[in-house]
């Protein structure tokens, strides 16, 4: 645990030293190019923010080509300032092309930061989701077959004697006179003492 903390602390110290030196070098180049006051301090902030935005896009795993492009641009600006202040450039008499680059940097940094921060990354479905959908489509049960409804068997017509039909009519008339309602098949069967098919056949003749 202590070794891990020591390693992290060393990395943080190195990062702070690099950031402070790069910040100061960018400020000096901006001042030499004619950007004085608060404008000179805004340049290193702009470069560092573009570096951070490009690094975050690289860590996200989306749009790596654009992220690498803007990361290299910001890194070139930072390294260029470090090299320029190492005695290779006369800060008292900077060339015109450097003044043009410094003056145009804010627009370039704004464009890069906007594209990195507000370009929606393409989200592809996870492989596990695709496999689950394919498994579901393969394992989908087939619709059950509709049961065949068979027609009820047709019973042959039951022969009914005419005398029995006449007697049944008398029974039905008595039932209607007594109850005021037509006789039903179960009652007719009970009164005549005949099987169900016979009672249904007699009821059809009433």
N, C-alpha and C. Protein backbone atom coordinates (compact mmCIF):
# COMPACT_ATOMS: atom_id res chain seq x y z
N UNK A 1 0.82 -1.20 0.00
CA UNK A 1 0.00 0.00 0.00
C UNK A 1 0.87 1.26 0.00
N UNK A 2 1.92 1.26 0.84
CA UNK A 2 2.81 2.42 0.89
C UNK A 2 3.56 2.58 -0.42
N UNK A 3 3.97 1.45 -1.02
CA UNK A 3 4.67 1.53 -2.30
C UNK A 3 3.76 2.10 -3.38
N UNK A 4 2.49 1.70 -3.35
CA UNK A 4 1.53 2.23 -4.32
C UNK A 4 1.34 3.72 -4.14
N UNK A 5 1.21 4.17 -2.89
CA UNK A 5 1.05 5.60 -2.63
C UNK A 5 2.29 6.38 -3.04
N UNK A 6 3.47 5.80 -2.79
CA UNK A 6 4.69 6.48 -3.20
C UNK A 6 4.77 6.61 -4.71
N UNK A 7 4.36 5.55 -5.43
CA UNK A 7 4.39 5.62 -6.88
C UNK A 7 3.40 6.65 -7.39
N UNK A 8 2.21 6.70 -6.80
CA UNK A 8 1.21 7.68 -7.21
C UNK A 8 1.69 9.09 -6.91
N UNK A 9 2.29 9.28 -5.74
CA UNK A 9 2.79 10.60 -5.38
C UNK A 9 3.88 11.06 -6.34
N UNK A 10 4.76 10.14 -6.76
CA UNK A 10 5.82 10.49 -7.70
C UNK A 10 5.23 10.91 -9.04
N UNK A 11 4.21 10.20 -9.49
CA UNK A 11 3.56 10.55 -10.76
C UNK A 11 2.89 11.91 -10.66
N UNK A 12 2.24 12.19 -9.52
CA UNK A 12 1.59 13.48 -9.36
C UNK A 12 2.60 14.62 -9.34
N UNK A 13 3.73 14.39 -8.69
CA UNK A 13 4.77 15.43 -8.66
C UNK A 13 5.29 15.70 -10.06
N UNK A 14 5.56 14.62 -10.81
CA UNK A 14 6.03 14.80 -12.18
C UNK A 14 4.99 15.53 -13.03
N UNK A 15 3.71 15.20 -12.84
CA UNK A 15 2.65 15.85 -13.61
C UNK A 15 2.57 17.34 -13.26
N UNK A 16 2.71 17.67 -11.99
CA UNK A 16 2.65 19.07 -11.58
C UNK A 16 3.83 19.86 -12.13
N UNK A 17 5.03 19.26 -12.12
CA UNK A 17 6.20 19.94 -12.65
C UNK A 17 6.05 20.19 -14.15
N UNK A 18 5.60 19.13 -14.88
CA UNK A 18 5.43 19.27 -16.33
C UNK A 18 4.37 20.31 -16.66
N UNK A 19 3.28 20.30 -15.90
CA UNK A 19 2.20 21.25 -16.17
C UNK A 19 2.66 22.68 -15.88
N UNK A 20 3.39 22.88 -14.79
CA UNK A 20 3.84 24.23 -14.45
C UNK A 20 4.83 24.77 -15.48
N UNK A 21 5.79 23.93 -15.90
CA UNK A 21 6.77 24.39 -16.88
C UNK A 21 6.11 24.67 -18.23
N UNK A 22 5.23 23.74 -18.67
CA UNK A 22 4.56 23.95 -19.94
C UNK A 22 3.66 25.19 -19.90
N UNK A 23 3.00 25.39 -18.75
CA UNK A 23 2.15 26.56 -18.58
C UNK A 23 2.98 27.84 -18.72
N UNK A 24 4.14 27.86 -18.06
CA UNK A 24 4.98 29.06 -18.11
C UNK A 24 5.54 29.29 -19.51
N UNK A 25 5.94 28.22 -20.20
CA UNK A 25 6.49 28.38 -21.54
C UNK A 25 5.44 28.88 -22.53
N UNK A 26 4.22 28.35 -22.43
CA UNK A 26 3.15 28.84 -23.30
C UNK A 26 2.86 30.31 -23.03
N UNK A 27 2.88 30.69 -21.76
CA UNK A 27 2.64 32.10 -21.42
C UNK A 27 3.73 32.98 -22.01
N UNK A 28 4.98 32.54 -21.92
CA UNK A 28 6.08 33.35 -22.46
C UNK A 28 5.98 33.50 -23.98
N UNK A 29 5.61 32.43 -24.66
CA UNK A 29 5.46 32.51 -26.12
C UNK A 29 4.32 33.43 -26.49
N UNK A 30 3.21 33.37 -25.74
CA UNK A 30 2.08 34.25 -26.03
C UNK A 30 2.46 35.72 -25.82
N UNK A 31 3.21 36.00 -24.77
CA UNK A 31 3.65 37.37 -24.53
C UNK A 31 4.58 37.84 -25.65
N UNK A 32 5.50 36.96 -26.08
CA UNK A 32 6.42 37.33 -27.15
C UNK A 32 5.70 37.58 -28.46
N UNK A 33 4.53 36.89 -28.65
CA UNK A 33 3.77 37.06 -29.88
C UNK A 33 2.82 38.24 -29.82
N UNK A 34 2.87 39.02 -28.75
CA UNK A 34 2.05 40.22 -28.67
C UNK A 34 0.78 40.08 -27.86
N UNK A 35 0.59 38.96 -27.18
CA UNK A 35 -0.60 38.76 -26.34
C UNK A 35 -0.21 39.06 -24.89
N UNK A 36 -0.60 40.23 -24.40
CA UNK A 36 -0.19 40.61 -23.06
C UNK A 36 -1.36 40.53 -22.09
N UNK A 37 -1.06 40.71 -20.81
CA UNK A 37 -2.11 40.72 -19.78
C UNK A 37 -2.76 39.36 -19.61
N UNK A 38 -4.07 39.37 -19.36
CA UNK A 38 -4.80 38.12 -19.11
C UNK A 38 -4.84 37.22 -20.34
N UNK A 39 -4.67 37.83 -21.53
CA UNK A 39 -4.72 37.02 -22.75
C UNK A 39 -3.55 36.04 -22.80
N UNK A 40 -2.39 36.46 -22.32
CA UNK A 40 -1.23 35.56 -22.33
C UNK A 40 -1.46 34.37 -21.39
N UNK A 41 -2.16 34.58 -20.27
CA UNK A 41 -2.43 33.48 -19.34
C UNK A 41 -3.54 32.56 -19.86
N UNK A 42 -4.39 33.06 -20.74
CA UNK A 42 -5.48 32.22 -21.27
C UNK A 42 -4.96 31.16 -22.25
N UNK A 43 -3.84 31.42 -22.91
CA UNK A 43 -3.33 30.47 -23.90
C UNK A 43 -2.94 29.13 -23.29
N UNK A 44 -2.14 29.09 -22.24
CA UNK A 44 -1.82 27.77 -21.65
C UNK A 44 -3.04 27.05 -21.12
N UNK A 45 -4.01 27.80 -20.59
CA UNK A 45 -5.25 27.15 -20.12
C UNK A 45 -5.97 26.50 -21.29
N UNK A 46 -6.02 27.19 -22.43
CA UNK A 46 -6.70 26.66 -23.61
C UNK A 46 -6.02 25.39 -24.11
N UNK A 47 -4.69 25.40 -24.15
CA UNK A 47 -3.95 24.21 -24.62
C UNK A 47 -4.17 23.03 -23.68
N UNK A 48 -4.09 23.27 -22.39
CA UNK A 48 -4.27 22.18 -21.42
C UNK A 48 -5.68 21.61 -21.47
N UNK A 49 -6.67 22.48 -21.63
CA UNK A 49 -8.06 21.99 -21.71
C UNK A 49 -8.28 21.13 -22.94
N UNK A 50 -7.68 21.51 -24.06
CA UNK A 50 -7.81 20.69 -25.27
C UNK A 50 -7.13 19.34 -25.08
N UNK A 51 -5.99 19.33 -24.40
CA UNK A 51 -5.32 18.07 -24.11
C UNK A 51 -6.20 17.16 -23.25
N UNK A 52 -6.81 17.75 -22.23
CA UNK A 52 -7.66 16.96 -21.33
C UNK A 52 -8.87 16.42 -22.09
N UNK A 53 -9.51 17.26 -22.93
CA UNK A 53 -10.69 16.81 -23.68
C UNK A 53 -10.33 15.67 -24.63
N UNK A 54 -9.18 15.79 -25.31
CA UNK A 54 -8.76 14.73 -26.22
C UNK A 54 -8.44 13.44 -25.46
N UNK A 55 -7.81 13.56 -24.30
CA UNK A 55 -7.46 12.39 -23.50
C UNK A 55 -8.72 11.69 -22.98
N UNK A 56 -9.70 12.45 -22.58
CA UNK A 56 -10.95 11.84 -22.09
C UNK A 56 -11.67 11.10 -23.22
N UNK A 57 -11.65 11.66 -24.43
CA UNK A 57 -12.28 10.96 -25.55
C UNK A 57 -11.52 9.68 -25.88
N UNK A 58 -10.19 9.71 -25.77
CA UNK A 58 -9.41 8.49 -25.99
C UNK A 58 -9.75 7.43 -24.95
N UNK A 59 -9.93 7.85 -23.70
CA UNK A 59 -10.25 6.89 -22.65
C UNK A 59 -11.65 6.30 -22.82
N UNK A 60 -12.55 7.06 -23.45
CA UNK A 60 -13.92 6.57 -23.63
C UNK A 60 -14.00 5.46 -24.67
N UNK A 61 -13.01 5.40 -25.58
CA UNK A 61 -13.00 4.34 -26.58
C UNK A 61 -13.79 4.66 -27.83
N UNK A 62 -14.36 5.87 -27.95
CA UNK A 62 -15.16 6.26 -29.11
C UNK A 62 -14.47 7.41 -29.82
N UNK A 63 -14.52 7.40 -31.16
CA UNK A 63 -13.95 8.48 -31.94
C UNK A 63 -12.46 8.65 -31.71
N UNK A 64 -11.71 7.55 -31.75
CA UNK A 64 -10.28 7.63 -31.42
C UNK A 64 -9.50 8.41 -32.47
N UNK A 65 -9.93 8.37 -33.73
CA UNK A 65 -9.19 9.08 -34.78
C UNK A 65 -9.21 10.59 -34.52
N UNK A 66 -10.41 11.13 -34.25
CA UNK A 66 -10.51 12.56 -33.96
C UNK A 66 -9.80 12.91 -32.66
N UNK A 67 -9.93 12.05 -31.66
CA UNK A 67 -9.27 12.31 -30.37
C UNK A 67 -7.75 12.37 -30.53
N UNK A 68 -7.19 11.42 -31.28
CA UNK A 68 -5.75 11.43 -31.50
C UNK A 68 -5.31 12.66 -32.28
N UNK A 69 -6.12 13.09 -33.26
CA UNK A 69 -5.77 14.27 -34.06
C UNK A 69 -5.65 15.51 -33.18
N UNK A 70 -6.67 15.75 -32.34
CA UNK A 70 -6.64 16.95 -31.49
C UNK A 70 -5.63 16.81 -30.36
N UNK A 71 -5.40 15.58 -29.89
CA UNK A 71 -4.37 15.38 -28.86
C UNK A 71 -2.98 15.74 -29.41
N UNK A 72 -2.69 15.32 -30.64
CA UNK A 72 -1.40 15.63 -31.26
C UNK A 72 -1.26 17.13 -31.50
N UNK A 73 -2.36 17.79 -31.90
CA UNK A 73 -2.31 19.25 -32.13
C UNK A 73 -1.98 19.98 -30.83
N UNK A 74 -2.70 19.64 -29.75
CA UNK A 74 -2.44 20.30 -28.46
C UNK A 74 -1.06 19.96 -27.93
N UNK A 75 -0.64 18.70 -28.12
CA UNK A 75 0.69 18.32 -27.65
C UNK A 75 1.79 19.04 -28.44
N UNK A 76 1.56 19.24 -29.74
CA UNK A 76 2.53 19.97 -30.56
C UNK A 76 2.64 21.43 -30.12
N UNK A 77 1.50 22.02 -29.75
CA UNK A 77 1.53 23.40 -29.26
C UNK A 77 2.32 23.50 -27.96
N UNK A 78 2.09 22.51 -27.06
CA UNK A 78 2.80 22.54 -25.78
C UNK A 78 4.29 22.29 -25.96
N UNK A 79 4.63 21.27 -26.76
CA UNK A 79 6.05 20.97 -26.99
C UNK A 79 6.74 22.08 -27.77
N UNK A 80 5.99 22.67 -28.70
CA UNK A 80 6.57 23.77 -29.47
C UNK A 80 6.94 24.95 -28.59
N UNK A 81 6.09 25.25 -27.61
CA UNK A 81 6.39 26.35 -26.69
C UNK A 81 7.60 26.00 -25.82
N UNK A 82 7.68 24.72 -25.40
CA UNK A 82 8.83 24.32 -24.59
C UNK A 82 10.14 24.45 -25.37
N UNK A 83 10.12 24.02 -26.63
CA UNK A 83 11.33 24.09 -27.45
C UNK A 83 11.67 25.54 -27.80
N UNK A 84 10.62 26.35 -28.07
CA UNK A 84 10.87 27.74 -28.47
C UNK A 84 11.52 28.54 -27.37
N UNK A 85 11.19 28.21 -26.11
CA UNK A 85 11.75 28.97 -25.00
C UNK A 85 13.09 28.39 -24.52
N UNK A 86 13.61 27.41 -25.23
CA UNK A 86 14.89 26.80 -24.83
C UNK A 86 16.08 27.50 -25.47
N UNK A 87 15.87 28.69 -26.01
CA UNK A 87 16.96 29.45 -26.61
C UNK A 87 17.03 29.31 -28.12
N UNK A 88 16.12 28.52 -28.72
CA UNK A 88 16.13 28.35 -30.17
C UNK A 88 15.36 29.46 -30.89
N UNK A 89 14.62 30.28 -30.13
CA UNK A 89 13.82 31.34 -30.73
C UNK A 89 14.09 32.64 -29.99
N UNK A 90 14.29 33.69 -30.75
CA UNK A 90 14.49 35.01 -30.17
C UNK A 90 13.13 35.57 -29.77
N UNK A 91 12.81 35.49 -28.45
CA UNK A 91 11.51 35.95 -27.98
C UNK A 91 11.34 37.46 -28.10
N UNK A 92 12.44 38.19 -28.33
CA UNK A 92 12.32 39.62 -28.53
C UNK A 92 11.97 39.99 -29.96
N UNK A 93 12.11 39.03 -30.88
CA UNK A 93 11.81 39.31 -32.28
C UNK A 93 11.27 38.03 -32.92
N UNK A 94 10.02 37.69 -32.58
CA UNK A 94 9.42 36.44 -33.08
C UNK A 94 9.01 36.62 -34.53
N UNK A 95 9.04 35.56 -35.34
CA UNK A 95 8.64 35.68 -36.75
C UNK A 95 7.13 35.90 -36.89
N UNK A 96 6.74 36.34 -38.06
CA UNK A 96 5.32 36.66 -38.30
C UNK A 96 4.46 35.40 -38.26
N UNK A 97 4.98 34.26 -38.75
CA UNK A 97 4.16 33.05 -38.77
C UNK A 97 3.79 32.59 -37.37
N UNK A 98 4.71 32.85 -36.39
CA UNK A 98 4.38 32.48 -35.01
C UNK A 98 3.30 33.38 -34.44
N UNK A 99 3.35 34.65 -34.79
CA UNK A 99 2.28 35.56 -34.35
C UNK A 99 0.93 35.13 -34.92
N UNK A 100 0.94 34.67 -36.19
CA UNK A 100 -0.31 34.21 -36.82
C UNK A 100 -0.82 32.95 -36.11
N UNK A 101 0.08 32.03 -35.81
CA UNK A 101 -0.35 30.80 -35.12
C UNK A 101 -0.93 31.10 -33.74
N UNK A 102 -0.27 31.97 -33.00
CA UNK A 102 -0.75 32.31 -31.65
C UNK A 102 -2.09 33.02 -31.73
N UNK A 103 -2.24 33.95 -32.72
CA UNK A 103 -3.50 34.68 -32.84
C UNK A 103 -4.65 33.77 -33.26
N UNK A 104 -4.35 32.75 -34.07
CA UNK A 104 -5.41 31.86 -34.53
C UNK A 104 -5.68 30.68 -33.63
N UNK A 105 -4.87 30.48 -32.59
CA UNK A 105 -5.05 29.33 -31.72
C UNK A 105 -6.40 29.28 -31.01
N UNK A 106 -6.95 30.39 -30.48
CA UNK A 106 -8.24 30.28 -29.78
C UNK A 106 -9.34 29.68 -30.64
N UNK A 107 -9.41 30.07 -31.91
CA UNK A 107 -10.45 29.50 -32.78
C UNK A 107 -10.23 28.02 -33.00
N UNK A 108 -8.97 27.62 -33.19
CA UNK A 108 -8.66 26.20 -33.39
C UNK A 108 -9.01 25.39 -32.14
N UNK A 109 -8.65 25.89 -30.97
CA UNK A 109 -8.94 25.19 -29.72
C UNK A 109 -10.44 25.10 -29.47
N UNK A 110 -11.16 26.16 -29.80
CA UNK A 110 -12.61 26.13 -29.61
C UNK A 110 -13.26 25.08 -30.52
N UNK A 111 -12.80 25.02 -31.78
CA UNK A 111 -13.33 24.02 -32.70
C UNK A 111 -13.05 22.61 -32.20
N UNK A 112 -11.79 22.37 -31.79
CA UNK A 112 -11.45 21.04 -31.31
C UNK A 112 -12.22 20.65 -30.05
N UNK A 113 -12.31 21.58 -29.10
CA UNK A 113 -13.04 21.26 -27.88
C UNK A 113 -14.51 21.00 -28.12
N UNK A 114 -15.12 21.77 -29.05
CA UNK A 114 -16.54 21.57 -29.35
C UNK A 114 -16.77 20.21 -30.00
N UNK A 115 -15.92 19.86 -30.96
CA UNK A 115 -16.08 18.56 -31.62
C UNK A 115 -15.87 17.40 -30.66
N UNK A 116 -14.92 17.54 -29.75
CA UNK A 116 -14.65 16.45 -28.81
C UNK A 116 -15.74 16.31 -27.76
N UNK A 117 -16.29 17.44 -27.33
CA UNK A 117 -17.24 17.40 -26.22
C UNK A 117 -18.68 17.15 -26.66
N UNK A 118 -19.03 17.58 -27.87
CA UNK A 118 -20.45 17.55 -28.27
C UNK A 118 -20.72 16.64 -29.45
N UNK A 119 -19.75 15.87 -29.92
CA UNK A 119 -20.01 14.89 -30.97
C UNK A 119 -20.47 13.61 -30.30
N UNK A 120 -21.71 13.19 -30.62
CA UNK A 120 -22.26 11.99 -29.98
C UNK A 120 -21.57 10.76 -30.53
N UNK A 121 -20.97 9.95 -29.66
CA UNK A 121 -20.32 8.72 -30.14
C UNK A 121 -21.36 7.71 -30.58
N UNK A 122 -20.97 6.89 -31.56
CA UNK A 122 -21.85 5.84 -32.03
C UNK A 122 -21.83 4.70 -31.04
N UNK A 123 -23.01 4.33 -30.58
CA UNK A 123 -23.13 3.26 -29.59
C UNK A 123 -23.58 1.99 -30.29
N UNK A 124 -22.73 0.99 -30.29
CA UNK A 124 -23.08 -0.30 -30.86
C UNK A 124 -23.62 -1.20 -29.76
N UNK A 125 -24.61 -2.02 -30.08
CA UNK A 125 -25.12 -2.93 -29.05
C UNK A 125 -24.05 -3.88 -28.58
N UNK A 126 -24.08 -4.17 -27.31
CA UNK A 126 -23.09 -5.07 -26.73
C UNK A 126 -23.23 -6.46 -27.33
N UNK A 127 -22.10 -7.20 -27.47
CA UNK A 127 -22.19 -8.57 -28.01
C UNK A 127 -23.11 -9.46 -27.21
N UNK A 128 -23.12 -9.30 -25.89
CA UNK A 128 -24.00 -10.13 -25.08
C UNK A 128 -25.46 -9.89 -25.38
N UNK A 129 -25.82 -8.62 -25.67
CA UNK A 129 -27.22 -8.32 -26.00
C UNK A 129 -27.60 -8.95 -27.32
N UNK A 130 -26.68 -8.89 -28.32
CA UNK A 130 -26.97 -9.48 -29.63
C UNK A 130 -27.15 -10.99 -29.50
N UNK A 131 -26.24 -11.65 -28.72
CA UNK A 131 -26.35 -13.09 -28.56
C UNK A 131 -27.64 -13.46 -27.84
N UNK A 132 -28.04 -12.65 -26.84
CA UNK A 132 -29.28 -12.95 -26.12
C UNK A 132 -30.49 -12.83 -27.05
N UNK A 133 -30.49 -11.80 -27.93
CA UNK A 133 -31.60 -11.66 -28.86
C UNK A 133 -31.65 -12.81 -29.84
N UNK A 134 -30.45 -13.26 -30.32
CA UNK A 134 -30.44 -14.39 -31.24
C UNK A 134 -30.93 -15.66 -30.56
N UNK A 135 -30.51 -15.87 -29.29
CA UNK A 135 -30.96 -17.06 -28.56
C UNK A 135 -32.47 -17.04 -28.36
N UNK A 136 -33.02 -15.84 -28.07
CA UNK A 136 -34.46 -15.74 -27.88
C UNK A 136 -35.21 -16.05 -29.16
N UNK A 137 -34.68 -15.54 -30.30
CA UNK A 137 -35.36 -15.79 -31.57
C UNK A 137 -35.29 -17.27 -31.95
N UNK A 138 -34.14 -17.94 -31.61
CA UNK A 138 -34.03 -19.35 -31.93
C UNK A 138 -34.87 -20.21 -31.00
N UNK A 139 -34.95 -19.78 -29.73
CA UNK A 139 -35.68 -20.59 -28.75
C UNK A 139 -37.16 -20.26 -28.67
N UNK A 140 -37.65 -19.38 -29.54
CA UNK A 140 -39.06 -19.01 -29.48
C UNK A 140 -39.91 -20.23 -29.85
N UNK A 141 -40.83 -20.64 -29.00
CA UNK A 141 -41.63 -21.83 -29.30
C UNK A 141 -42.59 -21.58 -30.45
N UNK A 142 -42.84 -22.64 -31.20
CA UNK A 142 -43.79 -22.52 -32.30
C UNK A 142 -45.20 -22.44 -31.73
N UNK A 143 -46.07 -21.72 -32.41
CA UNK A 143 -47.44 -21.61 -31.89
C UNK A 143 -48.11 -22.97 -31.88
N UNK A 144 -48.84 -23.29 -30.82
CA UNK A 144 -49.49 -24.61 -30.75
C UNK A 144 -50.54 -24.78 -31.85
N UNK A 145 -50.64 -26.01 -32.31
CA UNK A 145 -51.61 -26.30 -33.36
C UNK A 145 -53.02 -26.18 -32.81
N UNK A 146 -53.88 -25.59 -33.64
CA UNK A 146 -55.25 -25.42 -33.21
C UNK A 146 -55.95 -26.78 -33.17
N UNK A 147 -56.61 -27.08 -32.07
CA UNK A 147 -57.31 -28.38 -32.00
C UNK A 147 -58.46 -28.45 -33.00
N UNK A 148 -58.58 -29.61 -33.60
CA UNK A 148 -59.65 -29.83 -34.58
C UNK A 148 -60.94 -30.14 -33.83
N UNK A 149 -61.92 -29.31 -34.05
CA UNK A 149 -63.22 -29.49 -33.39
C UNK A 149 -64.07 -30.41 -34.25
N UNK A 150 -64.36 -31.56 -33.71
CA UNK A 150 -65.16 -32.52 -34.45
C UNK A 150 -66.64 -32.23 -34.24
N UNK A 151 -67.34 -32.38 -35.30
CA UNK A 151 -68.79 -32.17 -35.23
C UNK A 151 -69.44 -33.29 -34.41
N UNK A 152 -70.41 -32.95 -33.62
CA UNK A 152 -71.08 -34.00 -32.83
C UNK A 152 -71.70 -35.05 -33.76
N UNK A 153 -71.63 -36.28 -33.33
CA UNK A 153 -72.19 -37.35 -34.19
C UNK A 153 -73.69 -37.17 -34.42
N UNK A 154 -74.08 -37.42 -35.64
CA UNK A 154 -75.49 -37.29 -36.01
C UNK A 154 -76.23 -38.59 -35.64
N UNK A 155 -77.23 -38.43 -34.77
CA UNK A 155 -78.03 -39.59 -34.38
C UNK A 155 -79.12 -39.82 -35.43
N UNK A 156 -79.32 -41.05 -35.77
CA UNK A 156 -80.41 -41.33 -36.74
C UNK A 156 -81.76 -40.96 -36.13
N UNK A 157 -82.66 -40.47 -36.94
CA UNK A 157 -84.00 -40.09 -36.42
C UNK A 157 -84.70 -41.28 -35.76
N UNK A 158 -85.30 -40.97 -34.59
CA UNK A 158 -86.00 -42.02 -33.83
C UNK A 158 -87.45 -42.08 -34.29
N UNK A 159 -87.90 -43.24 -34.71
CA UNK A 159 -89.32 -43.34 -35.14
C UNK A 159 -90.25 -43.17 -33.93
N UNK A 160 -91.26 -42.33 -34.12
CA UNK A 160 -92.21 -42.05 -33.04
C UNK A 160 -93.60 -42.50 -33.49
N UNK A 161 -94.21 -43.37 -32.73
CA UNK A 161 -95.58 -43.78 -33.10
C UNK A 161 -96.54 -42.60 -32.99
N UNK A 162 -97.52 -42.58 -33.88
CA UNK A 162 -98.49 -41.47 -33.90
C UNK A 162 -99.33 -41.46 -32.64
N UNK A 163 -99.60 -42.64 -32.10
CA UNK A 163 -100.41 -42.69 -30.88
C UNK A 163 -99.66 -42.05 -29.71
N UNK A 164 -98.33 -42.28 -29.69
CA UNK A 164 -97.53 -41.69 -28.62
C UNK A 164 -97.46 -40.17 -28.76
N UNK A 165 -97.44 -39.71 -30.02
CA UNK A 165 -97.42 -38.26 -30.25
C UNK A 165 -98.75 -37.65 -29.79
N UNK A 166 -99.85 -38.33 -30.07
CA UNK A 166 -101.16 -37.81 -29.64
C UNK A 166 -101.25 -37.75 -28.12
N UNK A 167 -100.73 -38.82 -27.47
CA UNK A 167 -100.74 -38.81 -26.01
C UNK A 167 -99.86 -37.69 -25.45
N UNK A 168 -98.72 -37.49 -26.09
CA UNK A 168 -97.83 -36.44 -25.63
C UNK A 168 -98.47 -35.07 -25.77
N UNK A 169 -99.23 -34.87 -26.82
CA UNK A 169 -99.90 -33.58 -26.99
C UNK A 169 -100.91 -33.33 -25.87
N UNK A 170 -101.60 -34.40 -25.45
CA UNK A 170 -102.54 -34.23 -24.34
C UNK A 170 -101.80 -33.86 -23.05
N UNK A 171 -100.66 -34.55 -22.83
CA UNK A 171 -99.87 -34.25 -21.64
C UNK A 171 -99.36 -32.81 -21.68
N UNK A 172 -98.92 -32.37 -22.86
CA UNK A 172 -98.42 -31.01 -23.00
C UNK A 172 -99.52 -29.99 -22.78
N UNK A 173 -100.75 -30.31 -23.27
CA UNK A 173 -101.87 -29.38 -23.09
C UNK A 173 -102.23 -29.27 -21.61
N UNK A 174 -102.24 -30.43 -20.90
CA UNK A 174 -102.53 -30.39 -19.46
C UNK A 174 -101.47 -29.57 -18.71
N UNK A 175 -100.19 -29.77 -19.10
CA UNK A 175 -99.13 -29.03 -18.43
C UNK A 175 -99.25 -27.53 -18.69
N UNK A 176 -99.60 -27.16 -19.90
CA UNK A 176 -99.75 -25.73 -20.22
C UNK A 176 -100.93 -25.14 -19.49
N UNK A 177 -102.06 -25.93 -19.37
CA UNK A 177 -103.24 -25.42 -18.67
C UNK A 177 -102.96 -25.25 -17.18
N UNK A 178 -102.11 -26.12 -16.64
CA UNK A 178 -101.84 -26.06 -15.21
C UNK A 178 -100.78 -25.01 -14.85
N UNK A 179 -99.75 -24.91 -15.67
CA UNK A 179 -98.63 -24.02 -15.33
C UNK A 179 -98.61 -22.74 -16.15
N UNK A 180 -99.29 -22.74 -17.28
CA UNK A 180 -99.25 -21.56 -18.15
C UNK A 180 -98.00 -21.47 -18.98
N UNK A 181 -97.13 -22.48 -18.99
CA UNK A 181 -95.90 -22.48 -19.77
C UNK A 181 -95.84 -23.76 -20.57
N UNK A 182 -95.20 -23.73 -21.73
CA UNK A 182 -95.09 -24.95 -22.52
C UNK A 182 -94.23 -25.97 -21.80
N UNK A 183 -94.52 -27.24 -22.04
CA UNK A 183 -93.78 -28.29 -21.38
C UNK A 183 -92.39 -28.40 -21.99
N UNK A 184 -91.37 -28.68 -21.14
CA UNK A 184 -90.01 -28.85 -21.63
C UNK A 184 -89.72 -30.33 -21.81
N UNK A 185 -88.59 -30.61 -22.45
CA UNK A 185 -88.26 -32.00 -22.81
C UNK A 185 -88.04 -32.88 -21.57
N UNK A 186 -87.30 -32.42 -20.54
CA UNK A 186 -87.13 -33.30 -19.36
C UNK A 186 -88.46 -33.65 -18.70
N UNK A 187 -89.37 -32.66 -18.61
CA UNK A 187 -90.67 -32.93 -17.97
C UNK A 187 -91.48 -33.90 -18.82
N UNK A 188 -91.43 -33.69 -20.16
CA UNK A 188 -92.16 -34.59 -21.06
C UNK A 188 -91.61 -36.00 -20.96
N UNK A 189 -90.30 -36.13 -20.85
CA UNK A 189 -89.71 -37.46 -20.72
C UNK A 189 -90.13 -38.11 -19.43
N UNK A 190 -90.18 -37.31 -18.33
CA UNK A 190 -90.58 -37.89 -17.05
C UNK A 190 -92.05 -38.32 -17.06
N UNK A 191 -92.89 -37.54 -17.74
CA UNK A 191 -94.32 -37.87 -17.77
C UNK A 191 -94.59 -39.09 -18.64
N UNK A 192 -93.85 -39.23 -19.73
CA UNK A 192 -94.10 -40.34 -20.65
C UNK A 192 -93.29 -41.57 -20.31
N UNK A 193 -92.14 -41.38 -19.58
CA UNK A 193 -91.31 -42.51 -19.24
C UNK A 193 -90.58 -43.09 -20.43
N UNK A 194 -90.08 -42.24 -21.30
CA UNK A 194 -89.38 -42.69 -22.50
C UNK A 194 -87.92 -42.23 -22.41
N UNK A 195 -87.03 -42.84 -23.22
CA UNK A 195 -85.63 -42.38 -23.21
C UNK A 195 -85.49 -40.97 -23.77
N UNK A 196 -84.29 -40.41 -23.58
CA UNK A 196 -84.04 -39.02 -24.00
C UNK A 196 -84.19 -38.84 -25.50
N UNK A 197 -83.61 -39.69 -26.36
CA UNK A 197 -83.80 -39.47 -27.80
C UNK A 197 -85.26 -39.50 -28.20
N UNK A 198 -86.01 -40.43 -27.62
CA UNK A 198 -87.42 -40.51 -27.92
C UNK A 198 -88.15 -39.26 -27.47
N UNK A 199 -87.83 -38.76 -26.26
CA UNK A 199 -88.50 -37.55 -25.77
C UNK A 199 -88.16 -36.35 -26.65
N UNK A 200 -86.90 -36.24 -27.12
CA UNK A 200 -86.55 -35.13 -28.03
C UNK A 200 -87.31 -35.23 -29.34
N UNK A 201 -87.44 -36.45 -29.86
CA UNK A 201 -88.17 -36.62 -31.11
C UNK A 201 -89.64 -36.27 -30.95
N UNK A 202 -90.25 -36.66 -29.81
CA UNK A 202 -91.65 -36.34 -29.57
C UNK A 202 -91.82 -34.83 -29.42
N UNK A 203 -90.88 -34.14 -28.70
CA UNK A 203 -90.95 -32.69 -28.52
C UNK A 203 -90.86 -31.97 -29.86
N UNK A 204 -90.16 -32.57 -30.83
CA UNK A 204 -90.07 -31.90 -32.14
C UNK A 204 -91.40 -31.97 -32.88
N UNK A 205 -92.28 -32.93 -32.53
CA UNK A 205 -93.58 -33.03 -33.19
C UNK A 205 -94.66 -32.20 -32.51
N UNK A 206 -94.40 -31.64 -31.35
CA UNK A 206 -95.42 -30.88 -30.63
C UNK A 206 -95.57 -29.49 -31.20
